[in-house]
Amino acid sequence: MALVPYEETTELGLQKFHKPLATFSFANHTIQIRQDWRHLGVAAVVWDAAIVLSTYLEMGAVELRGRSAVELGAGTGLVGIVAALLGGGI
């Protein structure tokens, strides 16, 4: 593992850190999540994996209605929000 210093002027594909608001559309709802990585660190960023998993759930790959869902360590909680909108209890 390597520790690479992050500089705001660097173009490393980390532009998502600088967007204060992330907006998504899942389960016929618009979801807005405030991102504040300067105060909360990288857990305050909606990561691509959360978007992919939320899309997977929305496609109906997993039946959530009437089931309980627990989201652990998923940053902003996008996947849990989408699971709840799709009928999963938390």
PDB file of N, CA and C in Angstrom:
ATOM      1  N   MET A   1       0.846  -1.171   0.000  1.00  0.00           N
ATOM      2  CA  MET A   1       0.000   0.000   0.000  1.00  0.00           C
ATOM      3  C   MET A   1       0.892   1.233   0.000  1.00  0.00           C
ATOM      4  N   ALA A   2       0.448   2.255  -0.720  1.00  0.00           N
ATOM      5  CA  ALA A   2       1.204   3.505  -0.790  1.00  0.00           C
ATOM      6  C   ALA A   2       0.310   4.654  -0.366  1.00  0.00           C
ATOM      7  N   LEU A   3       0.871   5.594   0.318  1.00  0.00           N
ATOM      8  CA  LEU A   3       0.156   6.800   0.713  1.00  0.00           C
ATOM      9  C   LEU A   3       0.555   7.908  -0.246  1.00  0.00           C
ATOM     10  N   VAL A   4      -0.425   8.420  -0.978  1.00  0.00           N
ATOM     11  CA  VAL A   4      -0.157   9.462  -1.955  1.00  0.00           C
ATOM     12  C   VAL A   4      -0.810  10.740  -1.472  1.00  0.00           C
ATOM     13  N   PRO A   5      -0.041  11.804  -1.290  1.00  0.00           N
ATOM     14  CA  PRO A   5      -0.642  13.070  -0.849  1.00  0.00           C
ATOM     15  C   PRO A   5      -1.649  13.579  -1.870  1.00  0.00           C
ATOM     16  N   TYR A   6      -2.757  14.091  -1.383  1.00  0.00           N
ATOM     17  CA  TYR A   6      -3.795  14.608  -2.256  1.00  0.00           C
ATOM     18  C   TYR A   6      -3.696  16.120  -2.314  1.00  0.00           C
ATOM     19  N   GLU A   7      -3.633  16.645  -3.523  1.00  0.00           N
ATOM     20  CA  GLU A   7      -3.635  18.090  -3.737  1.00  0.00           C
ATOM     21  C   GLU A   7      -4.866  18.442  -4.545  1.00  0.00           C
ATOM     22  N   GLU A   8      -5.571  19.469  -4.139  1.00  0.00           N
ATOM     23  CA  GLU A   8      -6.829  19.829  -4.798  1.00  0.00           C
ATOM     24  C   GLU A   8      -6.658  20.204  -6.257  1.00  0.00           C
ATOM     25  N   THR A   9      -5.492  20.647  -6.654  1.00  0.00           N
ATOM     26  CA  THR A   9      -5.284  21.044  -8.041  1.00  0.00           C
ATOM     27  C   THR A   9      -4.943  19.862  -8.936  1.00  0.00           C
ATOM     28  N   THR A  10      -4.733  18.698  -8.356  1.00  0.00           N
ATOM     29  CA  THR A  10      -4.354  17.523  -9.123  1.00  0.00           C
ATOM     30  C   THR A  10      -5.550  16.966  -9.883  1.00  0.00           C
ATOM     31  N   GLU A  11      -5.322  16.549 -11.114  1.00  0.00           N
ATOM     32  CA  GLU A  11      -6.382  15.941 -11.929  1.00  0.00           C
ATOM     33  C   GLU A  11      -6.203  14.426 -11.909  1.00  0.00           C
ATOM     34  N   LEU A  12      -6.613  13.768 -10.844  1.00  0.00           N
ATOM     35  CA  LEU A  12      -6.449  12.325 -10.709  1.00  0.00           C
ATOM     36  C   LEU A  12      -7.780  11.584 -10.777  1.00  0.00           C
ATOM     37  N   GLY A  13      -8.796  12.210 -11.343  1.00  0.00           N
ATOM     38  CA  GLY A  13     -10.096  11.561 -11.362  1.00  0.00           C
ATOM     39  C   GLY A  13     -10.825  11.690 -10.038  1.00  0.00           C
ATOM     40  N   LEU A  14     -10.383  12.600  -9.207  1.00  0.00           N
ATOM     41  CA  LEU A  14     -10.988  12.770  -7.884  1.00  0.00           C
ATOM     42  C   LEU A  14     -11.894  13.996  -7.833  1.00  0.00           C
ATOM     43  N   GLN A  15     -12.426  14.398  -8.980  1.00  0.00           N
ATOM     44  CA  GLN A  15     -13.278  15.582  -9.016  1.00  0.00           C
ATOM     45  C   GLN A  15     -14.522  15.416  -8.147  1.00  0.00           C
ATOM     46  N   LYS A  16     -14.967  14.170  -7.920  1.00  0.00           N
ATOM     47  CA  LYS A  16     -16.159  13.952  -7.101  1.00  0.00           C
ATOM     48  C   LYS A  16     -15.988  14.493  -5.690  1.00  0.00           C
ATOM     49  N   PHE A  17     -14.743  14.619  -5.236  1.00  0.00           N
ATOM     50  CA  PHE A  17     -14.493  15.189  -3.910  1.00  0.00           C
ATOM     51  C   PHE A  17     -14.926  16.642  -3.839  1.00  0.00           C
ATOM     52  N   HIS A  18     -14.953  17.320  -4.976  1.00  0.00           N
ATOM     53  CA  HIS A  18     -15.208  18.756  -4.996  1.00  0.00           C
ATOM     54  C   HIS A  18     -16.658  19.107  -5.294  1.00  0.00           C
ATOM     55  N   LYS A  19     -17.499  18.109  -5.512  1.00  0.00           N
ATOM     56  CA  LYS A  19     -18.916  18.377  -5.747  1.00  0.00           C
ATOM     57  C   LYS A  19     -19.639  18.357  -4.406  1.00  0.00           C
ATOM     58  N   PRO A  20     -20.170  19.492  -3.971  1.00  0.00           N
ATOM     59  CA  PRO A  20     -20.798  19.541  -2.647  1.00  0.00           C
ATOM     60  C   PRO A  20     -22.120  18.778  -2.560  1.00  0.00           C
ATOM     61  N   LEU A  21     -22.713  18.470  -3.711  1.00  0.00           N
ATOM     62  CA  LEU A  21     -24.000  17.792  -3.719  1.00  0.00           C
ATOM     63  C   LEU A  21     -24.004  16.738  -4.826  1.00  0.00           C
ATOM     64  N   ALA A  22     -24.386  15.529  -4.463  1.00  0.00           N
ATOM     65  CA  ALA A  22     -24.516  14.452  -5.447  1.00  0.00           C
ATOM     66  C   ALA A  22     -26.003  14.146  -5.597  1.00  0.00           C
ATOM     67  N   THR A  23     -26.485  14.075  -6.825  1.00  0.00           N
ATOM     68  CA  THR A  23     -27.901  13.836  -7.095  1.00  0.00           C
ATOM     69  C   THR A  23     -28.057  12.557  -7.906  1.00  0.00           C
ATOM     70  N   PHE A  24     -29.001  11.705  -7.473  1.00  0.00           N
ATOM     71  CA  PHE A  24     -29.242  10.422  -8.117  1.00  0.00           C
ATOM     72  C   PHE A  24     -30.737  10.211  -8.279  1.00  0.00           C
ATOM     73  N   SER A  25     -31.097   9.339  -9.199  1.00  0.00           N
ATOM     74  CA  SER A  25     -32.490   8.968  -9.402  1.00  0.00           C
ATOM     75  C   SER A  25     -32.598   7.450  -9.290  1.00  0.00           C
ATOM     76  N   PHE A  26     -33.269   6.990  -8.235  1.00  0.00           N
ATOM     77  CA  PHE A  26     -33.495   5.570  -8.001  1.00  0.00           C
ATOM     78  C   PHE A  26     -34.913   5.371  -7.490  1.00  0.00           C
ATOM     79  N   ALA A  27     -35.545   4.291  -7.888  1.00  0.00           N
ATOM     80  CA  ALA A  27     -36.868   3.898  -7.398  1.00  0.00           C
ATOM     81  C   ALA A  27     -37.885   5.040  -7.528  1.00  0.00           C
ATOM     82  N   ASN A  28     -37.844   5.733  -8.651  1.00  0.00           N
ATOM     83  CA  ASN A  28     -38.752   6.848  -8.918  1.00  0.00           C
ATOM     84  C   ASN A  28     -38.633   7.978  -7.906  1.00  0.00           C
ATOM     85  N   HIS A  29     -37.469   8.135  -7.332  1.00  0.00           N
ATOM     86  CA  HIS A  29     -37.201   9.218  -6.386  1.00  0.00           C
ATOM     87  C   HIS A  29     -35.898   9.908  -6.777  1.00  0.00           C
ATOM     88  N   THR A  30     -35.820  11.188  -6.474  1.00  0.00           N
ATOM     89  CA  THR A  30     -34.565  11.911  -6.617  1.00  0.00           C
ATOM     90  C   THR A  30     -33.917  11.967  -5.243  1.00  0.00           C
ATOM     91  N   ILE A  31     -32.674  11.534  -5.176  1.00  0.00           N
ATOM     92  CA  ILE A  31     -31.936  11.478  -3.915  1.00  0.00           C
ATOM     93  C   ILE A  31     -30.776  12.457  -4.020  1.00  0.00           C
ATOM     94  N   GLN A  32     -30.707  13.388  -3.075  1.00  0.00           N
ATOM     95  CA  GLN A  32     -29.591  14.333  -3.031  1.00  0.00           C
ATOM     96  C   GLN A  32     -28.807  14.086  -1.749  1.00  0.00           C
ATOM     97  N   ILE A  33     -27.522  13.937  -1.908  1.00  0.00           N
ATOM     98  CA  ILE A  33     -26.644  13.683  -0.759  1.00  0.00           C
ATOM     99  C   ILE A  33     -25.569  14.759  -0.727  1.00  0.00           C
ATOM    100  N   ARG A  34     -25.475  15.418   0.414  1.00  0.00           N
ATOM    101  CA  ARG A  34     -24.448  16.444   0.595  1.00  0.00           C
ATOM    102  C   ARG A  34     -23.129  15.756   0.878  1.00  0.00           C
ATOM    103  N   GLN A  35     -22.105  16.143   0.144  1.00  0.00           N
ATOM    104  CA  GLN A  35     -20.781  15.565   0.324  1.00  0.00           C
ATOM    105  C   GLN A  35     -19.869  16.623   0.931  1.00  0.00           C
ATOM    106  N   ASP A  36     -19.245  16.319   2.035  1.00  0.00           N
ATOM    107  CA  ASP A  36     -18.326  17.259   2.679  1.00  0.00           C
ATOM    108  C   ASP A  36     -17.073  16.496   3.100  1.00  0.00           C
ATOM    109  N   TRP A  37     -16.267  16.137   2.125  1.00  0.00           N
ATOM    110  CA  TRP A  37     -15.112  15.301   2.411  1.00  0.00           C
ATOM    111  C   TRP A  37     -14.056  16.019   3.237  1.00  0.00           C
ATOM    112  N   ARG A  38     -14.028  17.340   3.190  1.00  0.00           N
ATOM    113  CA  ARG A  38     -13.014  18.071   3.971  1.00  0.00           C
ATOM    114  C   ARG A  38     -13.229  17.889   5.475  1.00  0.00           C
ATOM    115  N   HIS A  39     -14.476  17.742   5.902  1.00  0.00           N
ATOM    116  CA  HIS A  39     -14.770  17.584   7.321  1.00  0.00           C
ATOM    117  C   HIS A  39     -14.986  16.125   7.722  1.00  0.00           C
ATOM    118  N   LEU A  40     -15.518  15.312   6.813  1.00  0.00           N
ATOM    119  CA  LEU A  40     -15.873  13.942   7.155  1.00  0.00           C
ATOM    120  C   LEU A  40     -14.994  12.891   6.487  1.00  0.00           C
ATOM    121  N   GLY A  41     -14.081  13.313   5.639  1.00  0.00           N
ATOM    122  CA  GLY A  41     -13.201  12.369   4.972  1.00  0.00           C
ATOM    123  C   GLY A  41     -13.883  11.663   3.811  1.00  0.00           C
ATOM    124  N   VAL A  42     -13.254  10.606   3.345  1.00  0.00           N
ATOM    125  CA  VAL A  42     -13.748   9.919   2.152  1.00  0.00           C
ATOM    126  C   VAL A  42     -15.059   9.182   2.382  1.00  0.00           C
ATOM    127  N   ALA A  43     -15.490   9.034   3.631  1.00  0.00           N
ATOM    128  CA  ALA A  43     -16.789   8.414   3.901  1.00  0.00           C
ATOM    129  C   ALA A  43     -17.934   9.334   3.492  1.00  0.00           C
ATOM    130  N   ALA A  44     -17.636  10.588   3.228  1.00  0.00           N
ATOM    131  CA  ALA A  44     -18.671  11.551   2.848  1.00  0.00           C
ATOM    132  C   ALA A  44     -18.776  11.707   1.338  1.00  0.00           C
ATOM    133  N   VAL A  45     -18.244  10.754   0.594  1.00  0.00           N
ATOM    134  CA  VAL A  45     -18.315  10.782  -0.865  1.00  0.00           C
ATOM    135  C   VAL A  45     -19.124   9.581  -1.331  1.00  0.00           C
ATOM    136  N   VAL A  46     -20.005   9.789  -2.289  1.00  0.00           N
ATOM    137  CA  VAL A  46     -20.745   8.671  -2.877  1.00  0.00           C
ATOM    138  C   VAL A  46     -19.810   7.997  -3.874  1.00  0.00           C
ATOM    139  N   TRP A  47     -19.417   6.779  -3.564  1.00  0.00           N
ATOM    140  CA  TRP A  47     -18.468   6.052  -4.392  1.00  0.00           C
ATOM    141  C   TRP A  47     -19.190   5.329  -5.521  1.00  0.00           C
ATOM    142  N   ASP A  48     -18.472   5.085  -6.606  1.00  0.00           N
ATOM    143  CA  ASP A  48     -19.037   4.417  -7.779  1.00  0.00           C
ATOM    144  C   ASP A  48     -19.623   3.054  -7.424  1.00  0.00           C
ATOM    145  N   ALA A  49     -19.008   2.339  -6.497  1.00  0.00           N
ATOM    146  CA  ALA A  49     -19.518   1.014  -6.113  1.00  0.00           C
ATOM    147  C   ALA A  49     -20.928   1.109  -5.532  1.00  0.00           C
ATOM    148  N   ALA A  50     -21.216   2.175  -4.789  1.00  0.00           N
ATOM    149  CA  ALA A  50     -22.563   2.358  -4.235  1.00  0.00           C
ATOM    150  C   ALA A  50     -23.575   2.599  -5.354  1.00  0.00           C
ATOM    151  N   ILE A  51     -23.177   3.317  -6.371  1.00  0.00           N
ATOM    152  CA  ILE A  51     -24.072   3.582  -7.501  1.00  0.00           C
ATOM    153  C   ILE A  51     -24.338   2.287  -8.267  1.00  0.00           C
ATOM    154  N   VAL A  52     -23.293   1.496  -8.478  1.00  0.00           N
ATOM    155  CA  VAL A  52     -23.449   0.225  -9.189  1.00  0.00           C
ATOM    156  C   VAL A  52     -24.348  -0.725  -8.404  1.00  0.00           C
ATOM    157  N   LEU A  53     -24.131  -0.857  -7.098  1.00  0.00           N
ATOM    158  CA  LEU A  53     -24.958  -1.753  -6.286  1.00  0.00           C
ATOM    159  C   LEU A  53     -26.397  -1.261  -6.216  1.00  0.00           C
ATOM    160  N   SER A  54     -26.600   0.035  -6.120  1.00  0.00           N
ATOM    161  CA  SER A  54     -27.958   0.587  -6.108  1.00  0.00           C
ATOM    162  C   SER A  54     -28.673   0.289  -7.424  1.00  0.00           C
ATOM    163  N   THR A  55     -27.969   0.406  -8.531  1.00  0.00           N
ATOM    164  CA  THR A  55     -28.540   0.082  -9.837  1.00  0.00           C
ATOM    165  C   THR A  55     -28.894  -1.396  -9.918  1.00  0.00           C
ATOM    166  N   TYR A  56     -28.020  -2.238  -9.405  1.00  0.00           N
ATOM    167  CA  TYR A  56     -28.248  -3.687  -9.372  1.00  0.00           C
ATOM    168  C   TYR A  56     -29.517  -4.008  -8.585  1.00  0.00           C
ATOM    169  N   LEU A  57     -29.681  -3.378  -7.432  1.00  0.00           N
ATOM    170  CA  LEU A  57     -30.880  -3.610  -6.618  1.00  0.00           C
ATOM    171  C   LEU A  57     -32.127  -3.110  -7.343  1.00  0.00           C
ATOM    172  N   GLU A  58     -32.025  -1.967  -7.973  1.00  0.00           N
ATOM    173  CA  GLU A  58     -33.181  -1.399  -8.678  1.00  0.00           C
ATOM    174  C   GLU A  58     -33.606  -2.280  -9.853  1.00  0.00           C
ATOM    175  N   MET A  59     -32.672  -2.998 -10.447  1.00  0.00           N
ATOM    176  CA  MET A  59     -32.984  -3.895 -11.561  1.00  0.00           C
ATOM    177  C   MET A  59     -33.788  -5.106 -11.101  1.00  0.00           C
ATOM    178  N   GLY A  60     -33.946  -5.277  -9.794  1.00  0.00           N
ATOM    179  CA  GLY A  60     -34.735  -6.383  -9.274  1.00  0.00           C
ATOM    180  C   GLY A  60     -33.951  -7.667  -9.097  1.00  0.00           C
ATOM    181  N   ALA A  61     -32.648  -7.567  -9.074  1.00  0.00           N
ATOM    182  CA  ALA A  61     -31.801  -8.750  -8.928  1.00  0.00           C
ATOM    183  C   ALA A  61     -31.990  -9.421  -7.564  1.00  0.00           C
ATOM    184  N   VAL A  62     -32.398  -8.638  -6.585  1.00  0.00           N
ATOM    185  CA  VAL A  62     -32.637  -9.143  -5.234  1.00  0.00           C
ATOM    186  C   VAL A  62     -34.016  -8.652  -4.798  1.00  0.00           C
ATOM    187  N   GLU A  63     -34.858  -9.566  -4.339  1.00  0.00           N
ATOM    188  CA  GLU A  63     -36.182  -9.165  -3.849  1.00  0.00           C
ATOM    189  C   GLU A  63     -36.039  -8.607  -2.440  1.00  0.00           C
ATOM    190  N   LEU A  64     -36.390  -7.348  -2.264  1.00  0.00           N
ATOM    191  CA  LEU A  64     -36.227  -6.683  -0.972  1.00  0.00           C
ATOM    192  C   LEU A  64     -37.529  -6.526  -0.202  1.00  0.00           C
ATOM    193  N   ARG A  65     -38.648  -6.578  -0.869  1.00  0.00           N
ATOM    194  CA  ARG A  65     -39.927  -6.361  -0.184  1.00  0.00           C
ATOM    195  C   ARG A  65     -40.114  -7.385   0.929  1.00  0.00           C
ATOM    196  N   GLY A  66     -40.434  -6.864   2.108  1.00  0.00           N
ATOM    197  CA  GLY A  66     -40.686  -7.725   3.252  1.00  0.00           C
ATOM    198  C   GLY A  66     -39.435  -8.299   3.894  1.00  0.00           C
ATOM    199  N   ARG A  67     -38.283  -7.863   3.468  1.00  0.00           N
ATOM    200  CA  ARG A  67     -37.027  -8.351   4.039  1.00  0.00           C
ATOM    201  C   ARG A  67     -36.319  -7.224   4.761  1.00  0.00           C
ATOM    202  N   SER A  68     -35.478  -7.593   5.692  1.00  0.00           N
ATOM    203  CA  SER A  68     -34.677  -6.606   6.410  1.00  0.00           C
ATOM    204  C   SER A  68     -33.342  -6.431   5.706  1.00  0.00           C
ATOM    205  N   ALA A  69     -32.851  -5.217   5.716  1.00  0.00           N
ATOM    206  CA  ALA A  69     -31.556  -4.917   5.109  1.00  0.00           C
ATOM    207  C   ALA A  69     -30.715  -4.143   6.103  1.00  0.00           C
ATOM    208  N   VAL A  70     -29.463  -4.498   6.190  1.00  0.00           N
ATOM    209  CA  VAL A  70     -28.521  -3.782   7.041  1.00  0.00           C
ATOM    210  C   VAL A  70     -27.364  -3.334   6.163  1.00  0.00           C
ATOM    211  N   GLU A  71     -27.055  -2.070   6.212  1.00  0.00           N
ATOM    212  CA  GLU A  71     -25.943  -1.544   5.433  1.00  0.00           C
ATOM    213  C   GLU A  71     -24.827  -1.184   6.404  1.00  0.00           C
ATOM    214  N   LEU A  72     -23.673  -1.760   6.195  1.00  0.00           N
ATOM    215  CA  LEU A  72     -22.541  -1.520   7.088  1.00  0.00           C
ATOM    216  C   LEU A  72     -21.377  -0.901   6.324  1.00  0.00           C
ATOM    217  N   GLY A  73     -20.890   0.198   6.813  1.00  0.00           N
ATOM    218  CA  GLY A  73     -19.691   0.789   6.257  1.00  0.00           C
ATOM    219  C   GLY A  73     -19.800   1.211   4.808  1.00  0.00           C
ATOM    220  N   ALA A  74     -20.907   1.820   4.438  1.00  0.00           N
ATOM    221  CA  ALA A  74     -21.097   2.180   3.035  1.00  0.00           C
ATOM    222  C   ALA A  74     -21.036   3.688   2.816  1.00  0.00           C
ATOM    223  N   GLY A  75     -20.260   4.378   3.604  1.00  0.00           N
ATOM    224  CA  GLY A  75     -20.084   5.823   3.390  1.00  0.00           C
ATOM    225  C   GLY A  75     -21.344   6.607   3.649  1.00  0.00           C
ATOM    226  N   THR A  76     -21.913   7.177   2.600  1.00  0.00           N
ATOM    227  CA  THR A  76     -23.047   8.088   2.732  1.00  0.00           C
ATOM    228  C   THR A  76     -24.383   7.386   2.931  1.00  0.00           C
ATOM    229  N   GLY A  77     -24.435   6.080   2.725  1.00  0.00           N
ATOM    230  CA  GLY A  77     -25.673   5.336   2.935  1.00  0.00           C
ATOM    231  C   GLY A  77     -26.578   5.249   1.730  1.00  0.00           C
ATOM    232  N   LEU A  78     -26.079   5.568   0.540  1.00  0.00           N
ATOM    233  CA  LEU A  78     -26.915   5.529  -0.658  1.00  0.00           C
ATOM    234  C   LEU A  78     -27.556   4.167  -0.860  1.00  0.00           C
ATOM    235  N   VAL A  79     -26.810   3.089  -0.691  1.00  0.00           N
ATOM    236  CA  VAL A  79     -27.357   1.753  -0.919  1.00  0.00           C
ATOM    237  C   VAL A  79     -28.497   1.461   0.060  1.00  0.00           C
ATOM    238  N   GLY A  80     -28.357   1.840   1.311  1.00  0.00           N
ATOM    239  CA  GLY A  80     -29.411   1.645   2.293  1.00  0.00           C
ATOM    240  C   GLY A  80     -30.653   2.455   1.967  1.00  0.00           C
ATOM    241  N   ILE A  81     -30.469   3.656   1.492  1.00  0.00           N
ATOM    242  CA  ILE A  81     -31.605   4.507   1.105  1.00  0.00           C
ATOM    243  C   ILE A  81     -32.360   3.861  -0.055  1.00  0.00           C
ATOM    244  N   VAL A  82     -31.611   3.391  -1.052  1.00  0.00           N
ATOM    245  CA  VAL A  82     -32.244   2.755  -2.212  1.00  0.00           C
ATOM    246  C   VAL A  82     -32.937   1.472  -1.789  1.00  0.00           C
ATOM    247  N   ALA A  83     -32.296   0.675  -0.941  1.00  0.00           N
ATOM    248  CA  ALA A  83     -32.920  -0.577  -0.461  1.00  0.00           C
ATOM    249  C   ALA A  83     -34.237  -0.280   0.245  1.00  0.00           C
ATOM    250  N   ALA A  84     -34.273   0.770   1.064  1.00  0.00           N
ATOM    251  CA  ALA A  84     -35.505   1.131   1.764  1.00  0.00           C
ATOM    252  C   ALA A  84     -36.581   1.596   0.780  1.00  0.00           C
ATOM    253  N   LEU A  85     -36.194   2.363  -0.226  1.00  0.00           N
ATOM    254  CA  LEU A  85     -37.163   2.813  -1.229  1.00  0.00           C
ATOM    255  C   LEU A  85     -37.722   1.658  -2.040  1.00  0.00           C
ATOM    256  N   LEU A  86     -36.958   0.573  -2.145  1.00  0.00           N
ATOM    257  CA  LEU A  86     -37.400  -0.597  -2.887  1.00  0.00           C
ATOM    258  C   LEU A  86     -38.158  -1.592  -2.017  1.00  0.00           C
ATOM    259  N   GLY A  87     -38.438  -1.212  -0.769  1.00  0.00           N
ATOM    260  CA  GLY A  87     -39.272  -2.044   0.078  1.00  0.00           C
ATOM    261  C   GLY A  87     -38.562  -2.807   1.160  1.00  0.00           C
ATOM    262  N   GLY A  88     -37.261  -2.677   1.232  1.00  0.00           N
ATOM    263  CA  GLY A  88     -36.530  -3.370   2.293  1.00  0.00           C
ATOM    264  C   GLY A  88     -36.629  -2.612   3.597  1.00  0.00           C
ATOM    265  N   GLY A  89     -36.885  -3.331   4.677  1.00  0.00           N
ATOM    266  CA  GLY A  89     -36.935  -2.712   5.995  1.00  0.00           C
ATOM    267  C   GLY A  89     -35.539  -2.599   6.558  1.00  0.00           C
ATOM    268  N   ILE A  90     -35.325  -1.606   7.359  1.00  0.00           N
ATOM    269  CA  ILE A  90     -34.001  -1.419   7.953  1.00  0.00           C
ATOM    270  C   ILE A  90     -34.101  -1.523   9.459  1.00  0.00           C
TER     271      ILE A  90
END
